[in-house]
Amino acid sequence: MTTTKKLWDQGELIAIKYLQQKWYNILDTNYKFWRFWELDLIIKKDKITHFIEVKYRTNDKYGSPEESITKWKLHKLQKSIYAYCFKKRIDIENIQFDVITIVKNEKSYRLKHYKNIEI
């Protein structure tokens, strides 16, 4: 397993723990479409299916996690979300796109949950 993959797994585990504390149900993780397209977390709360992009950083050397959400990334995510909804027969009226950013500090981390982002 590569170092990058291990770091991402840390971020994903932090995000999952946070979401479970908020009573979200995890439906899928790392759902892959084609070769380079992937949905990080797919969760459900009440009747809404949430598609969550997780961005984890150990420092700001390459910018903030928020800066990595580009127009191209949003375009890929939108296509992946619609394909997932089609395949799983999920009504797109009951979906939401969220981003969770996590920045590791010396002894803990800072997590932000951006909800219902327009894509």
Protein backbone atom coordinates (compact mmCIF):
# COMPACT_ATOMS: atom_id res chain seq x y z
CA MET A 1 0.00 0.00 0.00
CA THR A 2 1.40 3.39 -0.94
CA THR A 3 1.96 6.20 1.56
CA THR A 4 -0.63 8.35 -0.24
CA LYS A 5 -3.22 5.56 0.06
CA LYS A 6 -2.48 5.13 3.78
CA LEU A 7 -2.93 8.86 4.35
CA TRP A 8 -6.20 8.89 2.44
CA ASP A 9 -7.41 5.92 4.47
CA GLN A 10 -6.71 7.91 7.66
CA GLY A 11 -8.81 10.79 6.35
CA GLU A 12 -11.59 8.47 5.28
CA LEU A 13 -11.67 6.77 8.68
CA ILE A 14 -11.84 10.13 10.47
CA ALA A 15 -14.70 11.21 8.18
CA ILE A 16 -16.58 7.93 8.70
CA LYS A 17 -16.27 8.20 12.49
CA TYR A 18 -17.53 11.80 12.36
CA LEU A 19 -20.49 10.83 10.15
CA GLN A 20 -21.46 7.86 12.30
CA GLN A 21 -21.51 10.14 15.36
CA LYS A 22 -24.02 12.29 13.41
CA TRP A 23 -26.20 9.21 12.74
CA TYR A 24 -25.42 8.87 9.04
CA ASN A 25 -25.53 5.34 7.57
CA ILE A 26 -22.58 4.38 5.39
CA LEU A 27 -23.77 2.80 2.13
CA ASP A 28 -20.55 2.63 0.11
CA THR A 29 -16.91 3.69 0.21
CA ASN A 30 -14.47 4.16 -2.67
CA TYR A 31 -17.09 3.38 -5.31
CA LYS A 32 -15.16 3.28 -8.58
CA PHE A 33 -16.29 4.35 -12.03
CA TRP A 34 -14.03 3.79 -14.96
CA ARG A 35 -10.33 3.94 -14.34
CA PHE A 36 -9.81 7.22 -12.49
CA TRP A 37 -13.30 8.18 -11.28
CA GLU A 38 -14.33 7.40 -7.74
CA LEU A 39 -16.90 8.43 -5.15
CA ASP A 40 -15.28 8.55 -1.70
CA LEU A 41 -18.27 8.06 0.59
CA ILE A 42 -21.93 7.42 -0.09
CA ILE A 43 -24.10 7.77 2.98
CA LYS A 44 -27.74 8.14 3.89
CA LYS A 45 -29.56 10.10 6.55
CA ASP A 46 -33.31 10.35 6.67
CA LYS A 47 -34.35 10.04 3.00
CA ILE A 48 -31.35 11.86 1.52
CA THR A 49 -28.41 10.07 -0.10
CA HIS A 50 -25.21 12.08 0.40
CA PHE A 51 -22.19 11.80 -1.86
CA ILE A 52 -19.15 12.96 0.07
CA GLU A 53 -15.74 13.92 -1.26
CA VAL A 54 -13.07 13.62 1.46
CA LYS A 55 -9.96 15.80 1.25
CA TYR A 56 -7.22 15.08 3.81
CA ARG A 57 -3.99 17.00 4.27
CA THR A 58 -1.10 16.68 6.70
CA ASN A 59 0.14 20.18 5.82
CA ASP A 60 -0.56 23.07 3.47
CA LYS A 61 2.47 22.52 1.23
CA TYR A 62 0.21 21.85 -1.76
CA GLY A 63 -2.59 24.20 -0.70
CA SER A 64 -5.68 23.77 1.41
CA PRO A 65 -7.98 20.79 0.94
CA GLU A 66 -10.67 23.15 -0.33
CA GLU A 67 -8.40 24.35 -3.15
CA SER A 68 -8.24 20.83 -4.57
CA ILE A 69 -11.96 20.90 -5.47
CA THR A 70 -11.64 22.17 -9.03
CA LYS A 71 -14.26 22.61 -11.74
CA TRP A 72 -12.92 19.49 -13.47
CA LYS A 73 -13.18 17.50 -10.21
CA LEU A 74 -16.77 18.68 -9.72
CA HIS A 75 -17.59 17.71 -13.32
CA LYS A 76 -16.22 14.20 -12.78
CA LEU A 77 -18.06 13.88 -9.48
CA GLN A 78 -21.35 14.98 -11.02
CA LYS A 79 -21.10 12.38 -13.77
CA SER A 80 -20.17 9.69 -11.24
CA ILE A 81 -23.05 10.63 -8.92
CA TYR A 82 -25.59 10.49 -11.75
CA ALA A 83 -24.23 7.14 -12.94
CA TYR A 84 -24.43 5.76 -9.39
CA CYS A 85 -28.01 7.02 -9.00
CA PHE A 86 -29.01 5.46 -12.33
CA LYS A 87 -27.42 2.12 -11.44
CA LYS A 88 -28.88 2.01 -7.92
CA ARG A 89 -32.24 3.56 -8.90
CA ILE A 90 -31.89 6.55 -6.58
CA ASP A 91 -34.11 9.56 -7.24
CA ILE A 92 -31.82 12.53 -7.97
CA GLU A 93 -34.32 14.76 -6.17
CA ASN A 94 -33.18 13.09 -2.94
CA ILE A 95 -29.42 13.48 -3.23
CA GLN A 96 -26.88 15.91 -1.88
CA PHE A 97 -23.19 16.55 -2.51
CA ASP A 98 -20.97 17.33 0.49
CA VAL A 99 -17.25 17.83 1.03
CA ILE A 100 -15.37 16.97 4.20
CA THR A 101 -11.95 18.56 4.60
CA ILE A 102 -9.52 17.37 7.23
CA VAL A 103 -6.21 18.99 8.14
CA LYS A 104 -3.98 17.13 10.57
CA ASN A 105 -2.47 19.17 13.37
CA GLU A 106 0.31 18.02 15.71
CA LYS A 107 -1.97 16.17 18.12
CA SER A 108 -5.38 16.22 16.46
CA TYR A 109 -7.08 17.45 13.29
CA ARG A 110 -9.46 20.13 12.01
CA LEU A 111 -12.53 18.85 10.19
CA LYS A 112 -14.99 20.93 8.17
CA HIS A 113 -18.18 19.55 6.65
CA TYR A 114 -19.48 21.58 3.70
CA LYS A 115 -23.06 20.50 3.07
CA ASN A 116 -25.25 20.57 -0.02
CA ILE A 117 -22.72 21.99 -2.46
CA GLU A 118 -23.98 22.92 -5.93
CA ILE A 119 -22.24 20.98 -8.69
